[in-house]
PDB file of N, CA and C in Angstrom:
ATOM      1  N   MET A   1       7.316  14.865 -17.140  1.00  0.00           N
ATOM      2  CA  MET A   1       6.540  13.573 -17.147  1.00  0.00           C
ATOM      3  C   MET A   1       4.859  14.102 -16.470  1.00  0.00           C
ATOM      4  N   PRO A   2       4.864  12.864 -16.875  1.00  0.00           N
ATOM      5  CA  PRO A   2       3.454  12.825 -16.401  1.00  0.00           C
ATOM      6  C   PRO A   2       3.117  12.868 -15.072  1.00  0.00           C
ATOM      7  N   ARG A   3       2.270  13.466 -13.892  1.00  0.00           N
ATOM      8  CA  ARG A   3       1.505  13.200 -12.749  1.00  0.00           C
ATOM      9  C   ARG A   3       0.348  12.446 -12.701  1.00  0.00           C
ATOM     10  N   TYR A   4       0.416  12.075 -11.478  1.00  0.00           N
ATOM     11  CA  TYR A   4      -0.590  10.765 -11.517  1.00  0.00           C
ATOM     12  C   TYR A   4      -0.574  11.060  -9.606  1.00  0.00           C
ATOM     13  N   PHE A   5      -1.460  11.154  -9.615  1.00  0.00           N
ATOM     14  CA  PHE A   5      -2.360  11.151  -7.897  1.00  0.00           C
ATOM     15  C   PHE A   5      -3.191   9.959  -7.794  1.00  0.00           C
ATOM     16  N   PHE A   6      -2.592   9.351  -6.001  1.00  0.00           N
ATOM     17  CA  PHE A   6      -3.208   8.210  -5.504  1.00  0.00           C
ATOM     18  C   PHE A   6      -4.864   8.762  -4.269  1.00  0.00           C
ATOM     19  N   HIS A   7      -5.408   8.437  -4.962  1.00  0.00           N
ATOM     20  CA  HIS A   7      -6.518   8.691  -3.983  1.00  0.00           C
ATOM     21  C   HIS A   7      -6.852   6.707  -3.136  1.00  0.00           C
ATOM     22  N   THR A   8      -7.209   7.060  -2.152  1.00  0.00           N
ATOM     23  CA  THR A   8      -7.609   6.044  -1.131  1.00  0.00           C
ATOM     24  C   THR A   8      -9.356   6.388  -0.778  1.00  0.00           C
ATOM     25  N   ARG A   9      -9.540   5.119  -1.617  1.00  0.00           N
ATOM     26  CA  ARG A   9     -11.686   4.658  -1.008  1.00  0.00           C
ATOM     27  C   ARG A   9     -11.841   4.368  -0.558  1.00  0.00           C
ATOM     28  N   ILE A  10     -12.307   4.277   1.132  1.00  0.00           N
ATOM     29  CA  ILE A  10     -12.388   3.240   1.694  1.00  0.00           C
ATOM     30  C   ILE A  10     -14.421   3.740   1.481  1.00  0.00           C
ATOM     31  N   ALA A  11     -14.943   2.649   1.639  1.00  0.00           N
ATOM     32  CA  ALA A  11     -16.518   3.232   1.959  1.00  0.00           C
ATOM     33  C   ALA A  11     -16.825   4.503   0.811  1.00  0.00           C
ATOM     34  N   ALA A  12     -16.868   4.958   1.176  1.00  0.00           N
ATOM     35  CA  ALA A  12     -17.780   6.499   1.623  1.00  0.00           C
ATOM     36  C   ALA A  12     -16.443   7.306   2.415  1.00  0.00           C
ATOM     37  N   ASP A  13     -15.328   7.013   2.072  1.00  0.00           N
ATOM     38  CA  ASP A  13     -14.317   8.496   2.443  1.00  0.00           C
ATOM     39  C   ASP A  13     -14.120   7.615   1.626  1.00  0.00           C
ATOM     40  N   THR A  14     -13.234   9.349   1.101  1.00  0.00           N
ATOM     41  CA  THR A  14     -11.499   9.168   0.242  1.00  0.00           C
ATOM     42  C   THR A  14     -10.778  10.139   0.265  1.00  0.00           C
ATOM     43  N   LEU A  15      -9.565   9.611   1.003  1.00  0.00           N
ATOM     44  CA  LEU A  15      -8.558  10.381   1.439  1.00  0.00           C
ATOM     45  C   LEU A  15      -7.799  10.885  -0.363  1.00  0.00           C
ATOM     46  N   THR A  16      -7.268  12.215  -0.384  1.00  0.00           N
ATOM     47  CA  THR A  16      -7.282  12.233  -1.149  1.00  0.00           C
ATOM     48  C   THR A  16      -6.243  12.788  -2.020  1.00  0.00           C
ATOM     49  N   ASP A  17      -4.902  13.005  -2.792  1.00  0.00           N
ATOM     50  CA  ASP A  17      -3.482  13.129  -2.902  1.00  0.00           C
ATOM     51  C   ASP A  17      -3.579  14.124  -3.960  1.00  0.00           C
ATOM     52  N   GLU A  18      -3.909  15.145  -3.117  1.00  0.00           N
ATOM     53  CA  GLU A  18      -3.380  16.808  -2.897  1.00  0.00           C
ATOM     54  C   GLU A  18      -2.062  17.316  -3.641  1.00  0.00           C
ATOM     55  N   ASP A  19      -0.756  16.486  -3.548  1.00  0.00           N
ATOM     56  CA  ASP A  19       0.209  16.589  -4.724  1.00  0.00           C
ATOM     57  C   ASP A  19       0.043  15.465  -5.534  1.00  0.00           C
ATOM     58  N   GLY A  20       0.392  14.578  -5.686  1.00  0.00           N
ATOM     59  CA  GLY A  20       0.529  13.145  -6.872  1.00  0.00           C
ATOM     60  C   GLY A  20       2.254  13.184  -7.381  1.00  0.00           C
ATOM     61  N   VAL A  21       2.195  12.736  -8.031  1.00  0.00           N
ATOM     62  CA  VAL A  21       3.803  12.507  -8.442  1.00  0.00           C
ATOM     63  C   VAL A  21       4.188  11.983  -9.591  1.00  0.00           C
ATOM     64  N   GLU A  22       5.198  12.876 -10.543  1.00  0.00           N
ATOM     65  CA  GLU A  22       5.445  12.196 -12.203  1.00  0.00           C
ATOM     66  C   GLU A  22       6.027  10.850 -11.749  1.00  0.00           C
ATOM     67  N   LEU A  23       5.369  10.567 -12.640  1.00  0.00           N
ATOM     68  CA  LEU A  23       5.821   8.771 -12.709  1.00  0.00           C
ATOM     69  C   LEU A  23       5.935   9.694 -14.770  1.00  0.00           C
ATOM     70  N   ARG A  24       7.409   8.196 -15.224  1.00  0.00           N
ATOM     71  CA  ARG A  24       7.182   7.729 -16.854  1.00  0.00           C
ATOM     72  C   ARG A  24       5.527   7.684 -17.632  1.00  0.00           C
ATOM     73  N   ASP A  25       4.993   6.467 -17.025  1.00  0.00           N
ATOM     74  CA  ASP A  25       3.430   5.952 -17.638  1.00  0.00           C
ATOM     75  C   ASP A  25       3.135   4.991 -16.632  1.00  0.00           C
ATOM     76  N   PRO A  26       1.253   5.047 -17.073  1.00  0.00           N
ATOM     77  CA  PRO A  26       0.799   4.107 -16.104  1.00  0.00           C
ATOM     78  C   PRO A  26       0.999   3.101 -15.859  1.00  0.00           C
ATOM     79  N   ASP A  27       2.037   2.407 -16.185  1.00  0.00           N
ATOM     80  CA  ASP A  27       3.207   1.749 -15.798  1.00  0.00           C
ATOM     81  C   ASP A  27       3.652   1.454 -13.848  1.00  0.00           C
ATOM     82  N   GLN A  28       4.303   3.028 -14.486  1.00  0.00           N
ATOM     83  CA  GLN A  28       4.861   2.801 -13.493  1.00  0.00           C
ATOM     84  C   GLN A  28       3.672   3.716 -12.041  1.00  0.00           C
ATOM     85  N   ALA A  29       3.158   4.090 -13.002  1.00  0.00           N
ATOM     86  CA  ALA A  29       1.675   4.210 -11.916  1.00  0.00           C
ATOM     87  C   ALA A  29       1.354   2.506 -10.887  1.00  0.00           C
ATOM     88  N   TRP A  30       0.911   2.014 -11.462  1.00  0.00           N
ATOM     89  CA  TRP A  30       0.698   0.861 -10.829  1.00  0.00           C
ATOM     90  C   TRP A  30       1.285   0.136 -10.385  1.00  0.00           C
ATOM     91  N   ARG A  31       3.020   0.404 -10.843  1.00  0.00           N
ATOM     92  CA  ARG A  31       3.760  -0.105  -9.455  1.00  0.00           C
ATOM     93  C   ARG A  31       4.157   0.098  -8.724  1.00  0.00           C
ATOM     94  N   VAL A  32       3.775   1.455  -8.118  1.00  0.00           N
ATOM     95  CA  VAL A  32       3.902   2.836  -7.428  1.00  0.00           C
ATOM     96  C   VAL A  32       2.940   2.214  -6.959  1.00  0.00           C
ATOM     97  N   ALA A  33       1.660   1.725  -7.528  1.00  0.00           N
ATOM     98  CA  ALA A  33      -0.399   2.041  -6.887  1.00  0.00           C
ATOM     99  C   ALA A  33       0.376   0.698  -5.671  1.00  0.00           C
ATOM    100  N   ARG A  34       0.685  -0.651  -6.764  1.00  0.00           N
ATOM    101  CA  ARG A  34       0.793  -1.799  -5.350  1.00  0.00           C
ATOM    102  C   ARG A  34       1.679  -1.424  -4.605  1.00  0.00           C
ATOM    103  N   ALA A  35       3.118  -0.916  -4.450  1.00  0.00           N
ATOM    104  CA  ALA A  35       4.099  -0.586  -3.581  1.00  0.00           C
ATOM    105  C   ALA A  35       3.644  -0.104  -2.138  1.00  0.00           C
ATOM    106  N   THR A  36       1.977   1.129  -2.293  1.00  0.00           N
ATOM    107  CA  THR A  36       2.018   1.759  -2.089  1.00  0.00           C
ATOM    108  C   THR A  36       0.668   1.347  -0.407  1.00  0.00           C
ATOM    109  N   ILE A  37       0.154  -0.015  -1.868  1.00  0.00           N
ATOM    110  CA  ILE A  37      -0.724  -0.454  -0.709  1.00  0.00           C
ATOM    111  C   ILE A  37      -0.212  -1.845  -0.183  1.00  0.00           C
ATOM    112  N   ARG A  38       0.643  -1.796  -0.574  1.00  0.00           N
ATOM    113  CA  ARG A  38       1.704  -3.408   0.373  1.00  0.00           C
ATOM    114  C   ARG A  38       1.900  -2.395   1.550  1.00  0.00           C
ATOM    115  N   ALA A  39       2.417  -0.867   1.508  1.00  0.00           N
ATOM    116  CA  ALA A  39       3.009  -0.392   2.971  1.00  0.00           C
ATOM    117  C   ALA A  39       2.028  -0.300   3.617  1.00  0.00           C
ATOM    118  N   SER A  40       0.744   0.374   3.024  1.00  0.00           N
ATOM    119  CA  SER A  40      -0.851   0.527   3.685  1.00  0.00           C
ATOM    120  C   SER A  40      -0.926  -0.710   4.908  1.00  0.00           C
ATOM    121  N   LEU A  41      -1.073  -1.990   4.269  1.00  0.00           N
ATOM    122  CA  LEU A  41      -1.178  -3.161   4.742  1.00  0.00           C
ATOM    123  C   LEU A  41      -0.354  -3.640   5.508  1.00  0.00           C
ATOM    124  N   GLU A  42       1.246  -3.258   5.550  1.00  0.00           N
ATOM    125  CA  GLU A  42       1.663  -4.056   6.483  1.00  0.00           C
ATOM    126  C   GLU A  42       2.148  -2.755   7.894  1.00  0.00           C
ATOM    127  N   ASP A  43       1.541  -1.089   7.603  1.00  0.00           N
ATOM    128  CA  ASP A  43       1.891  -0.542   8.527  1.00  0.00           C
ATOM    129  C   ASP A  43      -0.396  -0.440   9.731  1.00  0.00           C
ATOM    130  N   GLU A  44      -1.022  -0.797   8.315  1.00  0.00           N
ATOM    131  CA  GLU A  44      -2.724  -0.915   9.389  1.00  0.00           C
ATOM    132  C   GLU A  44      -2.863  -1.768   8.941  1.00  0.00           C
ATOM    133  N   GLY A  45      -2.767  -3.138   8.813  1.00  0.00           N
ATOM    134  CA  GLY A  45      -3.036  -4.211   8.167  1.00  0.00           C
ATOM    135  C   GLY A  45      -4.144  -4.626   9.182  1.00  0.00           C
ATOM    136  N   GLY A  46      -4.581  -4.276  10.465  1.00  0.00           N
ATOM    137  CA  GLY A  46      -4.881  -4.491  11.686  1.00  0.00           C
ATOM    138  C   GLY A  46      -7.289  -3.916  10.771  1.00  0.00           C
ATOM    139  N   ASP A  47      -6.627  -3.045  10.253  1.00  0.00           N
ATOM    140  CA  ASP A  47      -8.491  -2.477  10.207  1.00  0.00           C
ATOM    141  C   ASP A  47      -9.093  -3.772   8.468  1.00  0.00           C
ATOM    142  N   PRO A  48      -8.812  -3.733   9.208  1.00  0.00           N
ATOM    143  CA  PRO A  48     -10.148  -4.720   8.169  1.00  0.00           C
ATOM    144  C   PRO A  48     -11.022  -4.211   6.749  1.00  0.00           C
ATOM    145  N   ARG A  49     -11.190  -3.258   6.876  1.00  0.00           N
ATOM    146  CA  ARG A  49     -12.004  -1.825   5.998  1.00  0.00           C
ATOM    147  C   ARG A  49     -10.562  -1.710   4.981  1.00  0.00           C
ATOM    148  N   LEU A  50      -8.886  -1.719   5.659  1.00  0.00           N
ATOM    149  CA  LEU A  50      -8.766  -1.929   3.291  1.00  0.00           C
ATOM    150  C   LEU A  50      -8.620  -3.103   3.258  1.00  0.00           C
ATOM    151  N   VAL A  51      -8.575  -4.308   3.761  1.00  0.00           N
ATOM    152  CA  VAL A  51      -9.887  -5.041   2.395  1.00  0.00           C
ATOM    153  C   VAL A  51     -10.309  -4.557   1.320  1.00  0.00           C
ATOM    154  N   ALA A  52     -10.745  -4.066   1.499  1.00  0.00           N
ATOM    155  CA  ALA A  52     -11.794  -3.518   0.859  1.00  0.00           C
ATOM    156  C   ALA A  52     -11.717  -1.768   0.006  1.00  0.00           C
ATOM    157  N   ALA A  53     -10.979  -1.614   0.078  1.00  0.00           N
ATOM    158  CA  ALA A  53     -10.400   0.051   0.313  1.00  0.00           C
ATOM    159  C   ALA A  53      -9.906  -0.423  -1.664  1.00  0.00           C
ATOM    160  N   ILE A  54      -9.933   1.551  -2.638  1.00  0.00           N
ATOM    161  CA  ILE A  54      -9.219   0.694  -3.436  1.00  0.00           C
ATOM    162  C   ILE A  54      -8.429   2.086  -3.643  1.00  0.00           C
ATOM    163  N   LEU A  55      -7.342   1.560  -4.362  1.00  0.00           N
ATOM    164  CA  LEU A  55      -6.285   3.191  -4.807  1.00  0.00           C
ATOM    165  C   LEU A  55      -7.014   3.206  -5.971  1.00  0.00           C
ATOM    166  N   VAL A  56      -7.248   4.453  -5.942  1.00  0.00           N
ATOM    167  CA  VAL A  56      -7.689   5.075  -7.499  1.00  0.00           C
ATOM    168  C   VAL A  56      -7.409   5.992  -7.817  1.00  0.00           C
ATOM    169  N   VAL A  57      -6.183   5.924  -9.082  1.00  0.00           N
ATOM    170  CA  VAL A  57      -5.021   6.664  -9.925  1.00  0.00           C
ATOM    171  C   VAL A  57      -5.927   7.434 -10.775  1.00  0.00           C
ATOM    172  N   THR A  58      -5.625   8.776 -10.975  1.00  0.00           N
ATOM    173  CA  THR A  58      -6.155  10.077 -11.641  1.00  0.00           C
ATOM    174  C   THR A  58      -5.206  10.668 -12.589  1.00  0.00           C
ATOM    175  N   ASP A  59      -5.018  11.083 -13.837  1.00  0.00           N
ATOM    176  CA  ASP A  59      -3.914  11.685 -14.454  1.00  0.00           C
ATOM    177  C   ASP A  59      -4.789  13.193 -13.554  1.00  0.00           C
ATOM    178  N   GLU A  60      -3.238  14.674 -14.779  1.00  0.00           N
ATOM    179  CA  GLU A  60      -3.432  15.515 -13.765  1.00  0.00           C
ATOM    180  C   GLU A  60      -4.773  16.827 -14.066  1.00  0.00           C
ATOM    181  N   ALA A  61      -5.716  15.614 -15.520  1.00  0.00           N
ATOM    182  CA  ALA A  61      -6.768  16.427 -15.362  1.00  0.00           C
ATOM    183  C   ALA A  61      -7.783  15.736 -14.931  1.00  0.00           C
ATOM    184  N   GLY A  62      -8.023  15.525 -13.575  1.00  0.00           N
ATOM    185  CA  GLY A  62      -8.583  14.433 -12.646  1.00  0.00           C
ATOM    186  C   GLY A  62      -9.260  12.692 -14.111  1.00  0.00           C
ATOM    187  N   GLU A  63      -8.631  12.429 -14.589  1.00  0.00           N
ATOM    188  CA  GLU A  63      -9.161  11.541 -15.398  1.00  0.00           C
ATOM    189  C   GLU A  63      -8.790  10.021 -14.948  1.00  0.00           C
ATOM    190  N   VAL A  64      -9.584   8.969 -14.499  1.00  0.00           N
ATOM    191  CA  VAL A  64      -9.649   7.515 -14.006  1.00  0.00           C
ATOM    192  C   VAL A  64      -8.382   6.376 -15.124  1.00  0.00           C
ATOM    193  N   VAL A  65      -6.724   6.573 -13.661  1.00  0.00           N
ATOM    194  CA  VAL A  65      -5.802   5.644 -14.936  1.00  0.00           C
ATOM    195  C   VAL A  65      -6.264   4.439 -15.370  1.00  0.00           C
ATOM    196  N   LEU A  66      -6.315   4.182 -13.461  1.00  0.00           N
ATOM    197  CA  LEU A  66      -6.282   2.946 -12.976  1.00  0.00           C
ATOM    198  C   LEU A  66      -7.549   2.853 -11.047  1.00  0.00           C
ATOM    199  N   GLU A  67      -7.607   1.464 -11.165  1.00  0.00           N
ATOM    200  CA  GLU A  67      -8.200   1.503 -10.021  1.00  0.00           C
ATOM    201  C   GLU A  67      -7.572   0.101  -9.166  1.00  0.00           C
ATOM    202  N   PHE A  68      -6.923   0.492  -8.318  1.00  0.00           N
ATOM    203  CA  PHE A  68      -6.436  -1.219  -7.734  1.00  0.00           C
ATOM    204  C   PHE A  68      -6.999  -1.181  -6.440  1.00  0.00           C
ATOM    205  N   PRO A  69      -7.591  -2.169  -6.689  1.00  0.00           N
ATOM    206  CA  PRO A  69      -8.180  -2.815  -5.383  1.00  0.00           C
ATOM    207  C   PRO A  69      -6.907  -3.284  -3.950  1.00  0.00           C
ATOM    208  N   PHE A  70      -7.169  -3.413  -2.607  1.00  0.00           N
ATOM    209  CA  PHE A  70      -6.058  -3.561  -2.212  1.00  0.00           C
ATOM    210  C   PHE A  70      -5.703  -4.912  -1.918  1.00  0.00           C
ATOM    211  N   ALA A  71      -7.555  -5.587  -2.751  1.00  0.00           N
ATOM    212  CA  ALA A  71      -7.373  -7.144  -2.279  1.00  0.00           C
ATOM    213  C   ALA A  71      -6.698  -7.801  -3.203  1.00  0.00           C
ATOM    214  N   GLU A  72      -6.099  -7.219  -3.963  1.00  0.00           N
ATOM    215  CA  GLU A  72      -5.233  -7.468  -5.124  1.00  0.00           C
ATOM    216  C   GLU A  72      -3.859  -7.400  -5.179  1.00  0.00           C
ATOM    217  N   ALA A  73      -4.144  -6.688  -4.004  1.00  0.00           N
ATOM    218  CA  ALA A  73      -2.024  -6.439  -3.700  1.00  0.00           C
ATOM    219  C   ALA A  73      -2.479  -7.572  -2.095  1.00  0.00           C
ATOM    220  N   ILE A  74      -3.003  -7.477  -1.510  1.00  0.00           N
ATOM    221  CA  ILE A  74      -3.083  -8.720  -0.608  1.00  0.00           C
ATOM    222  C   ILE A  74      -2.297 -10.453  -1.885  1.00  0.00           C
ATOM    223  N   ASP A  75      -3.695 -10.877  -2.935  1.00  0.00           N
ATOM    224  CA  ASP A  75      -3.261 -11.715  -3.571  1.00  0.00           C
ATOM    225  C   ASP A  75      -1.603 -11.743  -4.303  1.00  0.00           C
ATOM    226  N   ALA A  76      -1.342 -10.782  -4.541  1.00  0.00           N
ATOM    227  CA  ALA A  76      -0.150 -10.844  -4.644  1.00  0.00           C
ATOM    228  C   ALA A  76       1.339 -10.904  -4.406  1.00  0.00           C
ATOM    229  N   ALA A  77       0.469 -10.382  -3.249  1.00  0.00           N
ATOM    230  CA  ALA A  77       1.738 -10.352  -1.830  1.00  0.00           C
ATOM    231  C   ALA A  77       3.366 -10.592  -2.253  1.00  0.00           C
ATOM    232  N   ASP A  78       2.889 -11.506  -2.332  1.00  0.00           N
ATOM    233  CA  ASP A  78       4.611 -12.552  -2.967  1.00  0.00           C
ATOM    234  C   ASP A  78       5.448 -12.536  -4.361  1.00  0.00           C
ATOM    235  N   ASP A  79       5.022 -11.449  -4.646  1.00  0.00           N
ATOM    236  CA  ASP A  79       5.435 -10.879  -6.312  1.00  0.00           C
ATOM    237  C   ASP A  79       6.600  -9.946  -5.127  1.00  0.00           C
ATOM    238  N   PRO A  80       8.123 -10.449  -6.928  1.00  0.00           N
ATOM    239  CA  PRO A  80       9.125 -10.232  -6.756  1.00  0.00           C
ATOM    240  C   PRO A  80       8.856  -8.360  -6.400  1.00  0.00           C
ATOM    241  N   ALA A  81       9.564  -7.282  -5.277  1.00  0.00           N
ATOM    242  CA  ALA A  81       9.843  -6.107  -5.606  1.00  0.00           C
ATOM    243  C   ALA A  81      10.082  -5.468  -7.148  1.00  0.00           C
ATOM    244  N   GLU A  82       9.278  -4.209  -6.943  1.00  0.00           N
ATOM    245  CA  GLU A  82      10.388  -4.027  -8.655  1.00  0.00           C
ATOM    246  C   GLU A  82      11.466  -3.039  -8.414  1.00  0.00           C
ATOM    247  N   PRO A  83      12.635  -2.450  -8.508  1.00  0.00           N
ATOM    248  CA  PRO A  83      13.113  -2.246  -8.651  1.00  0.00           C
ATOM    249  C   PRO A  83      13.233  -0.960  -8.400  1.00  0.00           C
ATOM    250  N   GLY A  84      13.498   0.080  -7.710  1.00  0.00           N
ATOM    251  CA  GLY A  84      13.296   1.992  -7.230  1.00  0.00           C
ATOM    252  C   GLY A  84      11.817   2.294  -7.226  1.00  0.00           C
ATOM    253  N   GLU A  85      10.557   1.446  -7.456  1.00  0.00           N
ATOM    254  CA  GLU A  85       9.757   1.774  -7.189  1.00  0.00           C
ATOM    255  C   GLU A  85       9.101   1.576  -5.873  1.00  0.00           C
ATOM    256  N   GLY A  86       9.392   2.800  -4.941  1.00  0.00           N
ATOM    257  CA  GLY A  86       8.799   3.365  -4.149  1.00  0.00           C
ATOM    258  C   GLY A  86       7.215   3.964  -3.048  1.00  0.00           C
ATOM    259  N   THR A  87       6.991   3.868  -2.632  1.00  0.00           N
ATOM    260  CA  THR A  87       5.542   3.465  -1.474  1.00  0.00           C
ATOM    261  C   THR A  87       5.361   5.632  -1.886  1.00  0.00           C
ATOM    262  N   LEU A  88       4.192   5.841  -1.833  1.00  0.00           N
ATOM    263  CA  LEU A  88       3.721   7.135  -1.850  1.00  0.00           C
ATOM    264  C   LEU A  88       3.615   7.483  -0.025  1.00  0.00           C
ATOM    265  N   HIS A  89       2.857   7.246   0.392  1.00  0.00           N
ATOM    266  CA  HIS A  89       2.394   7.470   2.402  1.00  0.00           C
ATOM    267  C   HIS A  89       3.308   6.994   2.946  1.00  0.00           C
TER     268      HIS A  89
END
């Protein structure tokens, strides 16, 4: 299984995911990214910088697989959760 890394970019700062997680494919990485963002917003939602944050998902080679703006997860907050898709943080 491929390994994906979930880095959080807030303005000029980046919180780097050194461990990553093995997932089936980029679609599963997208679902995990969405769940991770939603959990972060629930835990730290009072921090206004999070609205402008981006979760950058890379593969083992360091190539960007997707960039998921936190604001998009806010817009989709009413979507039903995918079964078996946990968060990373």
